[in-house]
Amino acid sequence: MVQTKSEGRRYSGLDPDERDRKRREAVLGAALELFGTQGYAATSVKRVCREAGLTERYFYACFRDRHDCLAGLYAELTDSMRGAVLAALDKTTGSDLDTRAHTGLDAFIGFLTADPRRARVVLIEVVGVSDELEARRNGVLREFADLITAVWSLPKEPATRAAVDLHRLTAVGLVGAVNHLLVDWLQRGQEDDPATLVDVCSALFSAARERVG
């Protein structure tokens, strides 16, 4: 295949793929700052570009529109959050269940509270934006509910349908409780110590695990 002079050309020491990756990172960094402080509804593509130091041409080379940018940011944050939780749990293999739950919760809550912008995007800014993002958000919540049952080592096929429902609904309820505690933490100005949030959630998990058996 004939290569044009500009095709594959390095620019400022970066090849085209690296340059595109850097620009995408710049856009997502700007989106995190603006969506996570000013809010998604108050942020235009122009503001994101200005924050990133890029022209709109490069924004649209990365994302179709503002919604696509929010979806991309949400995916990146939740992937990183999931990775942090799984890495923490891997280090506790063989520990008792309460220790594993506390460690996983510490990683989950720690990831979001370490940067309130992450928490705002993941917990507030994506809510109700579109059917697509609601489906993604609910899918992420279900994934963490499934992770709870896996950590608890609950049987995949309990003896009765009632037991199946009890396990599933308990896990879903716990995920919802953690989610709401973090939303409350944000809306109250982040007054509560994240370590206290972890302790509260751990107590809920321990009590629920004892109840479902």
N, C-alpha and C. Protein backbone atom coordinates (compact mmCIF):
# COMPACT_ATOMS: atom_id res chain seq x y z
N MET A 1 0.85 -1.19 0.00
CA MET A 1 0.00 0.00 0.00
C MET A 1 0.88 1.24 0.00
N VAL A 2 0.55 2.21 -0.85
CA VAL A 2 1.32 3.43 -0.93
C VAL A 2 0.98 4.30 0.27
N GLN A 3 1.99 4.83 0.92
CA GLN A 3 1.78 5.68 2.09
C GLN A 3 2.04 7.13 1.70
N THR A 4 1.10 8.00 2.04
CA THR A 4 1.29 9.42 1.75
C THR A 4 2.32 9.98 2.71
N LYS A 5 2.78 11.19 2.42
CA LYS A 5 3.79 11.82 3.26
C LYS A 5 3.27 12.04 4.68
N SER A 6 1.98 12.37 4.79
CA SER A 6 1.45 12.69 6.12
C SER A 6 1.00 11.45 6.88
N GLU A 7 0.74 10.36 6.15
CA GLU A 7 0.23 9.16 6.81
C GLU A 7 1.31 8.54 7.68
N GLY A 8 0.98 8.31 8.94
CA GLY A 8 1.93 7.70 9.84
C GLY A 8 3.00 8.65 10.32
N ARG A 9 2.92 9.93 9.96
CA ARG A 9 3.93 10.91 10.33
C ARG A 9 3.91 11.16 11.83
N ARG A 10 5.09 11.25 12.45
CA ARG A 10 5.16 11.57 13.87
C ARG A 10 5.08 13.08 14.04
N TYR A 11 4.44 13.46 15.13
CA TYR A 11 4.28 14.90 15.40
C TYR A 11 4.63 15.14 16.85
N SER A 12 5.60 16.04 17.10
CA SER A 12 6.05 16.33 18.46
C SER A 12 6.46 15.05 19.19
N GLY A 13 7.09 14.17 18.46
CA GLY A 13 7.58 12.94 19.07
C GLY A 13 6.55 11.85 19.24
N LEU A 14 5.31 12.08 18.79
CA LEU A 14 4.24 11.09 18.95
C LEU A 14 3.77 10.61 17.59
N ASP A 15 3.50 9.29 17.48
CA ASP A 15 2.92 8.81 16.24
C ASP A 15 1.43 9.10 16.26
N PRO A 16 0.72 8.94 15.13
CA PRO A 16 -0.70 9.32 15.07
C PRO A 16 -1.57 8.66 16.13
N ASP A 17 -1.35 7.37 16.39
CA ASP A 17 -2.17 6.69 17.40
C ASP A 17 -1.94 7.27 18.79
N GLU A 18 -0.68 7.54 19.10
CA GLU A 18 -0.36 8.13 20.41
C GLU A 18 -0.95 9.52 20.53
N ARG A 19 -0.90 10.27 19.44
CA ARG A 19 -1.44 11.62 19.46
C ARG A 19 -2.95 11.59 19.68
N ASP A 20 -3.63 10.67 18.99
CA ASP A 20 -5.08 10.53 19.17
C ASP A 20 -5.42 10.13 20.61
N ARG A 21 -4.61 9.23 21.18
CA ARG A 21 -4.86 8.80 22.56
C ARG A 21 -4.68 9.96 23.52
N LYS A 22 -3.65 10.76 23.31
CA LYS A 22 -3.40 11.91 24.18
C LYS A 22 -4.55 12.91 24.09
N ARG A 23 -5.06 13.12 22.88
CA ARG A 23 -6.17 14.05 22.73
C ARG A 23 -7.42 13.54 23.41
N ARG A 24 -7.67 12.23 23.28
CA ARG A 24 -8.84 11.66 23.96
C ARG A 24 -8.70 11.79 25.47
N GLU A 25 -7.50 11.55 25.97
CA GLU A 25 -7.26 11.70 27.40
C GLU A 25 -7.49 13.14 27.84
N ALA A 26 -7.07 14.09 27.00
CA ALA A 26 -7.27 15.50 27.33
C ALA A 26 -8.75 15.86 27.38
N VAL A 27 -9.52 15.33 26.42
CA VAL A 27 -10.96 15.60 26.40
C VAL A 27 -11.63 14.98 27.63
N LEU A 28 -11.28 13.74 27.95
CA LEU A 28 -11.88 13.09 29.11
C LEU A 28 -11.47 13.77 30.42
N GLY A 29 -10.24 14.24 30.48
CA GLY A 29 -9.81 14.98 31.66
C GLY A 29 -10.59 16.27 31.84
N ALA A 30 -10.82 16.96 30.74
CA ALA A 30 -11.61 18.19 30.78
C ALA A 30 -13.06 17.89 31.15
N ALA A 31 -13.60 16.80 30.59
CA ALA A 31 -14.97 16.41 30.91
C ALA A 31 -15.12 16.05 32.38
N LEU A 32 -14.14 15.35 32.93
CA LEU A 32 -14.19 15.02 34.35
C LEU A 32 -14.22 16.28 35.19
N GLU A 33 -13.38 17.23 34.85
CA GLU A 33 -13.34 18.49 35.61
C GLU A 33 -14.67 19.24 35.53
N LEU A 34 -15.21 19.38 34.33
CA LEU A 34 -16.43 20.19 34.15
C LEU A 34 -17.70 19.45 34.54
N PHE A 35 -17.85 18.20 34.08
CA PHE A 35 -19.04 17.43 34.48
C PHE A 35 -19.03 17.17 35.99
N GLY A 36 -17.82 17.03 36.54
CA GLY A 36 -17.70 16.69 37.95
C GLY A 36 -17.74 17.87 38.88
N THR A 37 -17.73 19.10 38.34
CA THR A 37 -17.81 20.30 39.18
C THR A 37 -18.99 21.18 38.79
N GLN A 38 -19.12 21.47 37.51
CA GLN A 38 -20.20 22.33 37.04
C GLN A 38 -21.47 21.55 36.69
N GLY A 39 -21.30 20.27 36.34
CA GLY A 39 -22.43 19.45 35.95
C GLY A 39 -22.52 19.26 34.45
N TYR A 40 -23.08 18.12 34.05
CA TYR A 40 -23.21 17.79 32.63
C TYR A 40 -24.10 18.79 31.91
N ALA A 41 -25.25 19.11 32.48
CA ALA A 41 -26.22 19.99 31.82
C ALA A 41 -25.66 21.39 31.59
N ALA A 42 -24.75 21.83 32.44
CA ALA A 42 -24.22 23.18 32.34
C ALA A 42 -22.96 23.26 31.49
N THR A 43 -22.54 22.14 30.92
CA THR A 43 -21.27 22.08 30.20
C THR A 43 -21.49 21.85 28.72
N SER A 44 -20.99 22.75 27.90
CA SER A 44 -21.09 22.62 26.45
C SER A 44 -19.83 21.98 25.89
N VAL A 45 -19.92 21.55 24.64
CA VAL A 45 -18.74 21.02 23.96
C VAL A 45 -17.66 22.09 23.89
N LYS A 46 -18.04 23.33 23.64
CA LYS A 46 -17.05 24.41 23.57
C LYS A 46 -16.30 24.56 24.88
N ARG A 47 -16.99 24.44 26.00
CA ARG A 47 -16.33 24.55 27.30
C ARG A 47 -15.37 23.40 27.52
N VAL A 48 -15.77 22.21 27.11
CA VAL A 48 -14.87 21.06 27.24
C VAL A 48 -13.62 21.28 26.41
N CYS A 49 -13.78 21.76 25.19
CA CYS A 49 -12.64 22.01 24.31
C CYS A 49 -11.72 23.08 24.88
N ARG A 50 -12.32 24.13 25.41
CA ARG A 50 -11.52 25.19 26.00
C ARG A 50 -10.71 24.66 27.19
N GLU A 51 -11.35 23.86 28.02
CA GLU A 51 -10.67 23.27 29.18
C GLU A 51 -9.56 22.33 28.74
N ALA A 52 -9.79 21.59 27.66
CA ALA A 52 -8.80 20.62 27.16
C ALA A 52 -7.69 21.29 26.35
N GLY A 53 -7.92 22.53 25.91
CA GLY A 53 -6.94 23.20 25.06
C GLY A 53 -6.92 22.66 23.65
N LEU A 54 -8.09 22.22 23.18
CA LEU A 54 -8.21 21.65 21.84
C LEU A 54 -9.33 22.33 21.08
N THR A 55 -9.30 22.21 19.76
CA THR A 55 -10.39 22.74 18.96
C THR A 55 -11.52 21.71 18.91
N GLU A 56 -12.71 22.16 18.51
CA GLU A 56 -13.85 21.25 18.42
C GLU A 56 -13.60 20.13 17.41
N ARG A 57 -12.79 20.40 16.42
CA ARG A 57 -12.46 19.37 15.43
C ARG A 57 -11.90 18.12 16.13
N TYR A 58 -11.03 18.34 17.10
CA TYR A 58 -10.42 17.20 17.77
C TYR A 58 -11.38 16.54 18.75
N PHE A 59 -12.29 17.33 19.32
CA PHE A 59 -13.33 16.73 20.16
C PHE A 59 -14.14 15.74 19.34
N TYR A 60 -14.60 16.17 18.18
CA TYR A 60 -15.45 15.31 17.35
C TYR A 60 -14.68 14.18 16.69
N ALA A 61 -13.37 14.25 16.70
CA ALA A 61 -12.58 13.11 16.26
C ALA A 61 -12.58 12.01 17.32
N CYS A 62 -12.88 12.39 18.57
CA CYS A 62 -12.89 11.44 19.68
C CYS A 62 -14.29 10.96 20.03
N PHE A 63 -15.27 11.86 19.96
CA PHE A 63 -16.63 11.54 20.40
C PHE A 63 -17.65 12.14 19.44
N ARG A 64 -18.78 11.43 19.31
CA ARG A 64 -19.83 11.91 18.40
C ARG A 64 -20.44 13.22 18.88
N ASP A 65 -20.64 13.31 20.19
CA ASP A 65 -21.30 14.48 20.77
C ASP A 65 -21.03 14.49 22.27
N ARG A 66 -21.67 15.43 22.96
CA ARG A 66 -21.46 15.58 24.41
C ARG A 66 -21.92 14.33 25.16
N HIS A 67 -23.03 13.74 24.73
CA HIS A 67 -23.55 12.54 25.37
C HIS A 67 -22.55 11.38 25.24
N ASP A 68 -21.97 11.24 24.07
CA ASP A 68 -20.99 10.18 23.84
C ASP A 68 -19.77 10.39 24.72
N CYS A 69 -19.41 11.65 24.94
CA CYS A 69 -18.29 11.97 25.82
C CYS A 69 -18.61 11.56 27.26
N LEU A 70 -19.81 11.87 27.73
CA LEU A 70 -20.23 11.47 29.08
C LEU A 70 -20.22 9.95 29.22
N ALA A 71 -20.73 9.26 28.20
CA ALA A 71 -20.75 7.80 28.23
C ALA A 71 -19.33 7.25 28.27
N GLY A 72 -18.43 7.84 27.51
CA GLY A 72 -17.05 7.39 27.51
C GLY A 72 -16.38 7.61 28.86
N LEU A 73 -16.66 8.76 29.46
CA LEU A 73 -16.10 9.05 30.77
C LEU A 73 -16.66 8.10 31.82
N TYR A 74 -17.95 7.84 31.76
CA TYR A 74 -18.58 6.92 32.71
C TYR A 74 -17.98 5.52 32.58
N ALA A 75 -17.78 5.07 31.36
CA ALA A 75 -17.20 3.75 31.12
C ALA A 75 -15.78 3.67 31.69
N GLU A 76 -15.00 4.72 31.46
CA GLU A 76 -13.62 4.72 31.95
C GLU A 76 -13.60 4.70 33.49
N LEU A 77 -14.45 5.50 34.11
CA LEU A 77 -14.47 5.56 35.58
C LEU A 77 -14.94 4.25 36.19
N THR A 78 -16.01 3.67 35.65
CA THR A 78 -16.53 2.43 36.23
C THR A 78 -15.59 1.25 35.97
N ASP A 79 -14.90 1.26 34.84
CA ASP A 79 -13.90 0.22 34.58
C ASP A 79 -12.76 0.31 35.60
N SER A 80 -12.30 1.54 35.87
CA SER A 80 -11.23 1.74 36.84
C SER A 80 -11.70 1.36 38.24
N MET A 81 -12.93 1.71 38.57
CA MET A 81 -13.49 1.38 39.88
C MET A 81 -13.59 -0.13 40.06
N ARG A 82 -14.09 -0.81 39.04
CA ARG A 82 -14.20 -2.27 39.09
C ARG A 82 -12.82 -2.90 39.25
N GLY A 83 -11.85 -2.38 38.51
CA GLY A 83 -10.49 -2.90 38.59
C GLY A 83 -9.90 -2.72 39.98
N ALA A 84 -10.16 -1.58 40.61
CA ALA A 84 -9.65 -1.32 41.95
C ALA A 84 -10.25 -2.29 42.96
N VAL A 85 -11.55 -2.55 42.83
CA VAL A 85 -12.22 -3.48 43.75
C VAL A 85 -11.70 -4.90 43.56
N LEU A 86 -11.60 -5.35 42.33
CA LEU A 86 -11.14 -6.71 42.07
C LEU A 86 -9.70 -6.91 42.52
N ALA A 87 -8.85 -5.89 42.31
CA ALA A 87 -7.46 -6.00 42.74
C ALA A 87 -7.38 -6.10 44.27
N ALA A 88 -8.21 -5.33 44.96
CA ALA A 88 -8.23 -5.39 46.42
C ALA A 88 -8.71 -6.75 46.91
N LEU A 89 -9.75 -7.27 46.26
CA LEU A 89 -10.28 -8.57 46.67
C LEU A 89 -9.28 -9.69 46.42
N ASP A 90 -8.52 -9.59 45.35
CA ASP A 90 -7.53 -10.61 45.05
C ASP A 90 -6.51 -10.76 46.18
N LYS A 91 -6.24 -9.66 46.87
CA LYS A 91 -5.26 -9.69 47.94
C LYS A 91 -5.82 -10.31 49.22
N THR A 92 -7.14 -10.52 49.27
CA THR A 92 -7.75 -11.05 50.49
C THR A 92 -8.25 -12.48 50.31
N THR A 93 -7.86 -13.12 49.23
CA THR A 93 -8.29 -14.51 49.00
C THR A 93 -7.90 -15.37 50.19
N GLY A 94 -8.87 -16.09 50.72
CA GLY A 94 -8.61 -16.94 51.88
C GLY A 94 -8.95 -16.28 53.19
N SER A 95 -9.20 -14.96 53.18
CA SER A 95 -9.58 -14.27 54.41
C SER A 95 -11.05 -14.54 54.72
N ASP A 96 -11.48 -14.20 55.94
CA ASP A 96 -12.88 -14.38 56.28
C ASP A 96 -13.74 -13.42 55.48
N LEU A 97 -15.03 -13.73 55.38
CA LEU A 97 -15.92 -12.98 54.50
C LEU A 97 -16.09 -11.54 54.92
N ASP A 98 -16.13 -11.28 56.21
CA ASP A 98 -16.27 -9.89 56.66
C ASP A 98 -15.06 -9.06 56.28
N THR A 99 -13.88 -9.65 56.37
CA THR A 99 -12.66 -8.95 55.96
C THR A 99 -12.67 -8.66 54.47
N ARG A 100 -13.09 -9.64 53.69
CA ARG A 100 -13.13 -9.45 52.24
C ARG A 100 -14.14 -8.37 51.87
N ALA A 101 -15.31 -8.38 52.51
CA ALA A 101 -16.32 -7.37 52.23
C ALA A 101 -15.80 -5.98 52.59
N HIS A 102 -15.17 -5.85 53.75
CA HIS A 102 -14.64 -4.55 54.18
C HIS A 102 -13.58 -4.06 53.21
N THR A 103 -12.70 -4.96 52.77
CA THR A 103 -11.65 -4.58 51.83
C THR A 103 -12.22 -4.13 50.49
N GLY A 104 -13.22 -4.86 49.98
CA GLY A 104 -13.84 -4.48 48.72
C GLY A 104 -14.56 -3.14 48.82
N LEU A 105 -15.26 -2.95 49.92
CA LEU A 105 -15.97 -1.68 50.13
C LEU A 105 -14.99 -0.51 50.28
N ASP A 106 -13.88 -0.77 50.95
CA ASP A 106 -12.88 0.28 51.12
C ASP A 106 -12.32 0.70 49.76
N ALA A 107 -12.12 -0.26 48.87
CA ALA A 107 -11.61 0.07 47.53
C ALA A 107 -12.67 0.81 46.72
N PHE A 108 -13.91 0.36 46.80
CA PHE A 108 -15.01 0.97 46.05
C PHE A 108 -15.24 2.41 46.50
N ILE A 109 -15.45 2.57 47.81
CA ILE A 109 -15.72 3.89 48.37
C ILE A 109 -14.49 4.79 48.24
N GLY A 110 -13.31 4.19 48.46
CA GLY A 110 -12.09 4.96 48.34
C GLY A 110 -11.87 5.52 46.95
N PHE A 111 -12.20 4.74 45.93
CA PHE A 111 -12.01 5.21 44.55
C PHE A 111 -12.86 6.46 44.29
N LEU A 112 -14.09 6.45 44.77
CA LEU A 112 -15.00 7.56 44.50
C LEU A 112 -14.73 8.76 45.40
N THR A 113 -14.45 8.52 46.66
CA THR A 113 -14.25 9.65 47.58
C THR A 113 -12.88 10.29 47.43
N ALA A 114 -11.92 9.57 46.84
CA ALA A 114 -10.60 10.15 46.62
C ALA A 114 -10.67 11.34 45.67
N ASP A 115 -11.66 11.33 44.80
CA ASP A 115 -11.87 12.43 43.86
C ASP A 115 -13.37 12.63 43.71
N PRO A 116 -13.95 13.60 44.44
CA PRO A 116 -15.40 13.80 44.39
C PRO A 116 -15.96 14.03 42.99
N ARG A 117 -15.11 14.44 42.06
CA ARG A 117 -15.58 14.59 40.68
C ARG A 117 -15.99 13.24 40.12
N ARG A 118 -15.22 12.21 40.45
CA ARG A 118 -15.59 10.86 40.00
C ARG A 118 -16.95 10.48 40.57
N ALA A 119 -17.12 10.72 41.87
CA ALA A 119 -18.38 10.35 42.51
C ALA A 119 -19.55 11.09 41.89
N ARG A 120 -19.37 12.36 41.59
CA ARG A 120 -20.48 13.13 41.02
C ARG A 120 -20.86 12.61 39.64
N VAL A 121 -19.87 12.30 38.82
CA VAL A 121 -20.17 11.79 37.48
C VAL A 121 -20.85 10.43 37.56
N VAL A 122 -20.29 9.52 38.35
CA VAL A 122 -20.78 8.14 38.42
C VAL A 122 -22.14 8.05 39.10
N LEU A 123 -22.35 8.85 40.14
CA LEU A 123 -23.55 8.70 40.97
C LEU A 123 -24.67 9.67 40.66
N ILE A 124 -24.34 10.82 40.06
CA ILE A 124 -25.35 11.86 39.87
C ILE A 124 -25.52 12.28 38.42
N GLU A 125 -24.42 12.64 37.76
CA GLU A 125 -24.54 13.28 36.45
C GLU A 125 -25.08 12.36 35.36
N VAL A 126 -24.88 11.06 35.47
CA VAL A 126 -25.37 10.16 34.43
C VAL A 126 -26.83 9.77 34.64
N VAL A 127 -27.37 10.06 35.82
CA VAL A 127 -28.73 9.60 36.14
C VAL A 127 -29.76 10.32 35.28
N GLY A 128 -30.58 9.55 34.59
CA GLY A 128 -31.68 10.10 33.82
C GLY A 128 -31.32 10.81 32.54
N VAL A 129 -30.06 10.77 32.14
CA VAL A 129 -29.64 11.50 30.94
C VAL A 129 -30.24 10.88 29.68
N SER A 130 -30.25 9.55 29.62
CA SER A 130 -30.79 8.87 28.45
C SER A 130 -31.09 7.42 28.81
N ASP A 131 -31.90 6.78 28.00
CA ASP A 131 -32.19 5.35 28.21
C ASP A 131 -30.90 4.53 28.11
N GLU A 132 -30.03 4.92 27.20
CA GLU A 132 -28.77 4.19 27.02
C GLU A 132 -27.93 4.22 28.28
N LEU A 133 -27.77 5.42 28.86
CA LEU A 133 -26.94 5.53 30.05
C LEU A 133 -27.63 4.90 31.27
N GLU A 134 -28.95 4.94 31.32
CA GLU A 134 -29.65 4.27 32.42
C GLU A 134 -29.43 2.77 32.35
N ALA A 135 -29.44 2.23 31.13
CA ALA A 135 -29.19 0.80 30.97
C ALA A 135 -27.77 0.45 31.40
N ARG A 136 -26.81 1.29 31.03
CA ARG A 136 -25.43 1.05 31.43
C ARG A 136 -25.27 1.16 32.94
N ARG A 137 -25.89 2.18 33.52
CA ARG A 137 -25.78 2.41 34.96
C ARG A 137 -26.38 1.24 35.74
N ASN A 138 -27.55 0.79 35.33
CA ASN A 138 -28.17 -0.34 36.01
C ASN A 138 -27.37 -1.62 35.81
N GLY A 139 -26.74 -1.74 34.65
CA GLY A 139 -25.88 -2.89 34.41
C GLY A 139 -24.67 -2.90 35.35
N VAL A 140 -24.09 -1.74 35.58
CA VAL A 140 -22.96 -1.64 36.52
C VAL A 140 -23.41 -2.01 37.93
N LEU A 141 -24.58 -1.53 38.34
CA LEU A 141 -25.09 -1.86 39.68
C LEU A 141 -25.34 -3.36 39.81
N ARG A 142 -25.87 -3.97 38.75
CA ARG A 142 -26.09 -5.43 38.79
C ARG A 142 -24.77 -6.18 38.88
N GLU A 143 -23.76 -5.70 38.18
CA GLU A 143 -22.45 -6.35 38.23
C GLU A 143 -21.91 -6.37 39.66
N PHE A 144 -22.07 -5.25 40.36
CA PHE A 144 -21.57 -5.20 41.73
C PHE A 144 -22.43 -6.04 42.67
N ALA A 145 -23.72 -6.16 42.38
CA ALA A 145 -24.57 -7.06 43.16
C ALA A 145 -24.12 -8.51 42.96
N ASP A 146 -23.79 -8.86 41.71
CA ASP A 146 -23.29 -10.21 41.43
C ASP A 146 -21.96 -10.45 42.14
N LEU A 147 -21.13 -9.41 42.24
CA LEU A 147 -19.85 -9.54 42.91
C LEU A 147 -20.05 -9.81 44.40
N ILE A 148 -21.07 -9.19 44.98
CA ILE A 148 -21.36 -9.44 46.40
C ILE A 148 -21.66 -10.91 46.64
N THR A 149 -22.53 -11.47 45.82
CA THR A 149 -22.88 -12.88 46.01
C THR A 149 -21.68 -13.79 45.78
N ALA A 150 -20.79 -13.38 44.87
CA ALA A 150 -19.58 -14.18 44.63
C ALA A 150 -18.65 -14.13 45.84
N VAL A 151 -18.49 -12.94 46.42
CA VAL A 151 -17.63 -12.80 47.61
C VAL A 151 -18.19 -13.61 48.77
N TRP A 152 -19.51 -13.61 48.90
CA TRP A 152 -20.15 -14.36 49.98
C TRP A 152 -20.10 -15.86 49.75
N SER A 153 -19.71 -16.27 48.53
CA SER A 153 -19.67 -17.69 48.18
C SER A 153 -21.03 -18.35 48.36
N LEU A 154 -22.08 -17.62 48.00
CA LEU A 154 -23.41 -18.20 48.10
C LEU A 154 -23.60 -19.24 47.01
N PRO A 155 -24.36 -20.27 47.25
CA PRO A 155 -24.59 -21.29 46.22
C PRO A 155 -25.29 -20.69 45.02
N LYS A 156 -24.85 -21.08 43.84
CA LYS A 156 -25.46 -20.55 42.62
C LYS A 156 -26.87 -21.09 42.41
N GLU A 157 -27.15 -22.25 42.96
CA GLU A 157 -28.48 -22.83 42.80
C GLU A 157 -29.03 -23.27 44.16
N PRO A 158 -29.48 -22.30 44.98
CA PRO A 158 -30.07 -22.67 46.27
C PRO A 158 -31.27 -23.60 46.06
N ALA A 159 -31.69 -24.24 47.15
CA ALA A 159 -32.71 -25.27 47.05
C ALA A 159 -34.04 -24.77 46.53
N THR A 160 -34.38 -23.54 46.81
CA THR A 160 -35.70 -23.04 46.42
C THR A 160 -35.58 -21.72 45.66
N ARG A 161 -36.64 -21.40 44.92
CA ARG A 161 -36.67 -20.12 44.20
C ARG A 161 -36.70 -18.96 45.20
N ALA A 162 -37.34 -19.17 46.34
CA ALA A 162 -37.38 -18.13 47.36
C ALA A 162 -35.98 -17.78 47.85
N ALA A 163 -35.11 -18.80 47.97
CA ALA A 163 -33.73 -18.55 48.40
C ALA A 163 -32.96 -17.78 47.34
N VAL A 164 -33.19 -18.14 46.08
CA VAL A 164 -32.54 -17.41 44.97
C VAL A 164 -32.92 -15.94 45.03
N ASP A 165 -34.20 -15.66 45.17
CA ASP A 165 -34.68 -14.29 45.21
C ASP A 165 -34.14 -13.54 46.43
N LEU A 166 -34.06 -14.23 47.56
CA LEU A 166 -33.55 -13.61 48.78
C LEU A 166 -32.11 -13.16 48.60
N HIS A 167 -31.28 -14.04 48.03
CA HIS A 167 -29.87 -13.70 47.80
C HIS A 167 -29.74 -12.54 46.83
N ARG A 168 -30.45 -12.63 45.72
CA ARG A 168 -30.34 -11.59 44.68
C ARG A 168 -30.82 -10.24 45.19
N LEU A 169 -31.98 -10.22 45.80
CA LEU A 169 -32.55 -8.95 46.25
C LEU A 169 -31.75 -8.33 47.39
N THR A 170 -31.19 -9.18 48.24
CA THR A 170 -30.34 -8.65 49.31
C THR A 170 -29.12 -7.95 48.73
N ALA A 171 -28.50 -8.58 47.74
CA ALA A 171 -27.32 -7.97 47.11
C ALA A 171 -27.68 -6.67 46.41
N VAL A 172 -28.80 -6.66 45.69
CA VAL A 172 -29.24 -5.44 45.01
C VAL A 172 -29.52 -4.33 46.03
N GLY A 173 -30.16 -4.70 47.14
CA GLY A 173 -30.46 -3.71 48.17
C GLY A 173 -29.20 -3.13 48.79
N LEU A 174 -28.19 -3.96 49.00
CA LEU A 174 -26.94 -3.47 49.57
C LEU A 174 -26.23 -2.51 48.62
N VAL A 175 -26.22 -2.84 47.34
CA VAL A 175 -25.62 -1.93 46.35
C VAL A 175 -26.35 -0.59 46.36
N GLY A 176 -27.68 -0.64 46.43
CA GLY A 176 -28.44 0.59 46.48
C GLY A 176 -28.13 1.40 47.72
N ALA A 177 -27.93 0.73 48.85
CA ALA A 177 -27.62 1.43 50.10
C ALA A 177 -26.27 2.14 50.00
N VAL A 178 -25.27 1.45 49.47
CA VAL A 178 -23.96 2.06 49.32
C VAL A 178 -24.05 3.26 48.37
N ASN A 179 -24.76 3.08 47.27
CA ASN A 179 -24.94 4.15 46.29
C ASN A 179 -25.55 5.39 46.95
N HIS A 180 -26.62 5.19 47.73
CA HIS A 180 -27.30 6.33 48.34
C HIS A 180 -26.45 6.99 49.42
N LEU A 181 -25.71 6.21 50.19
CA LEU A 181 -24.83 6.80 51.19
C LEU A 181 -23.80 7.72 50.54
N LEU A 182 -23.30 7.32 49.39
CA LEU A 182 -22.31 8.15 48.70
C LEU A 182 -22.95 9.39 48.09
N VAL A 183 -24.17 9.25 47.59
CA VAL A 183 -24.88 10.43 47.08
C VAL A 183 -25.11 11.41 48.23
N ASP A 184 -25.53 10.90 49.37
CA ASP A 184 -25.74 11.75 50.55
C ASP A 184 -24.43 12.42 50.97
N TRP A 185 -23.33 11.67 50.90
CA TRP A 185 -22.01 12.23 51.23
C TRP A 185 -21.68 13.41 50.33
N LEU A 186 -21.97 13.28 49.05
CA LEU A 186 -21.73 14.37 48.11
C LEU A 186 -22.61 15.58 48.42
N GLN A 187 -23.88 15.34 48.59
CA GLN A 187 -24.83 16.44 48.75
C GLN A 187 -24.69 17.15 50.09
N ARG A 188 -24.12 16.48 51.07
CA ARG A 188 -23.88 17.09 52.37
C ARG A 188 -22.51 17.77 52.45
N GLY A 189 -21.87 17.90 51.30
CA GLY A 189 -20.59 18.60 51.27
C GLY A 189 -19.41 17.76 51.69
N GLN A 190 -19.53 16.43 51.56
CA GLN A 190 -18.45 15.50 51.88
C GLN A 190 -17.97 15.64 53.32
N GLU A 191 -18.93 15.88 54.23
CA GLU A 191 -18.59 16.07 55.64
C GLU A 191 -18.19 14.77 56.32
N ASP A 192 -18.78 13.66 55.91
CA ASP A 192 -18.53 12.40 56.59
C ASP A 192 -17.19 11.80 56.18
N ASP A 193 -16.51 11.23 57.15
CA ASP A 193 -15.24 10.57 56.89
C ASP A 193 -15.49 9.31 56.05
N PRO A 194 -14.82 9.17 54.90
CA PRO A 194 -15.01 7.97 54.09
C PRO A 194 -14.81 6.68 54.87
N ALA A 195 -13.90 6.69 55.85
CA ALA A 195 -13.68 5.49 56.65
C ALA A 195 -14.94 5.11 57.42
N THR A 196 -15.70 6.13 57.85
CA THR A 196 -16.96 5.86 58.54
C THR A 196 -17.97 5.24 57.59
N LEU A 197 -17.99 5.73 56.35
CA LEU A 197 -18.89 5.16 55.35
C LEU A 197 -18.56 3.68 55.12
N VAL A 198 -17.28 3.37 55.05
CA VAL A 198 -16.86 1.98 54.86
C VAL A 198 -17.32 1.13 56.04
N ASP A 199 -17.14 1.65 57.26
CA ASP A 199 -17.55 0.88 58.44
C ASP A 199 -19.06 0.64 58.47
N VAL A 200 -19.83 1.67 58.12
CA VAL A 200 -21.30 1.54 58.10
C VAL A 200 -21.71 0.50 57.06
N CYS A 201 -21.16 0.59 55.88
CA CYS A 201 -21.51 -0.36 54.82
C CYS A 201 -21.07 -1.77 55.18
N SER A 202 -19.91 -1.89 55.80
CA SER A 202 -19.43 -3.22 56.21
C SER A 202 -20.38 -3.85 57.22
N ALA A 203 -20.89 -3.01 58.16
CA ALA A 203 -21.83 -3.53 59.15
C ALA A 203 -23.12 -4.00 58.49
N LEU A 204 -23.58 -3.25 57.49
CA LEU A 204 -24.78 -3.65 56.76
C LEU A 204 -24.56 -4.97 56.03
N PHE A 205 -23.40 -5.10 55.39
CA PHE A 205 -23.08 -6.32 54.65
C PHE A 205 -23.01 -7.52 55.60
N SER A 206 -22.37 -7.32 56.76
CA SER A 206 -22.22 -8.42 57.71
C SER A 206 -23.58 -8.88 58.22
N ALA A 207 -24.44 -7.92 58.57
CA ALA A 207 -25.77 -8.27 59.08
C ALA A 207 -26.58 -8.97 58.00
N ALA A 208 -26.50 -8.49 56.78
CA ALA A 208 -27.26 -9.09 55.68
C ALA A 208 -26.76 -10.50 55.39
N ARG A 209 -25.45 -10.69 55.42
CA ARG A 209 -24.90 -12.02 55.13
C ARG A 209 -25.38 -13.03 56.17
N GLU A 210 -25.39 -12.62 57.42
CA GLU A 210 -25.85 -13.52 58.47
C GLU A 210 -27.34 -13.87 58.29
N ARG A 211 -28.07 -12.89 57.79
CA ARG A 211 -29.52 -13.11 57.61
C ARG A 211 -29.81 -14.09 56.48
N VAL A 212 -29.10 -13.94 55.36
CA VAL A 212 -29.41 -14.80 54.21
C VAL A 212 -28.75 -16.17 54.33
N GLY A 213 -27.75 -16.29 55.20
CA GLY A 213 -27.11 -17.58 55.42
C GLY A 213 -26.11 -17.97 54.35
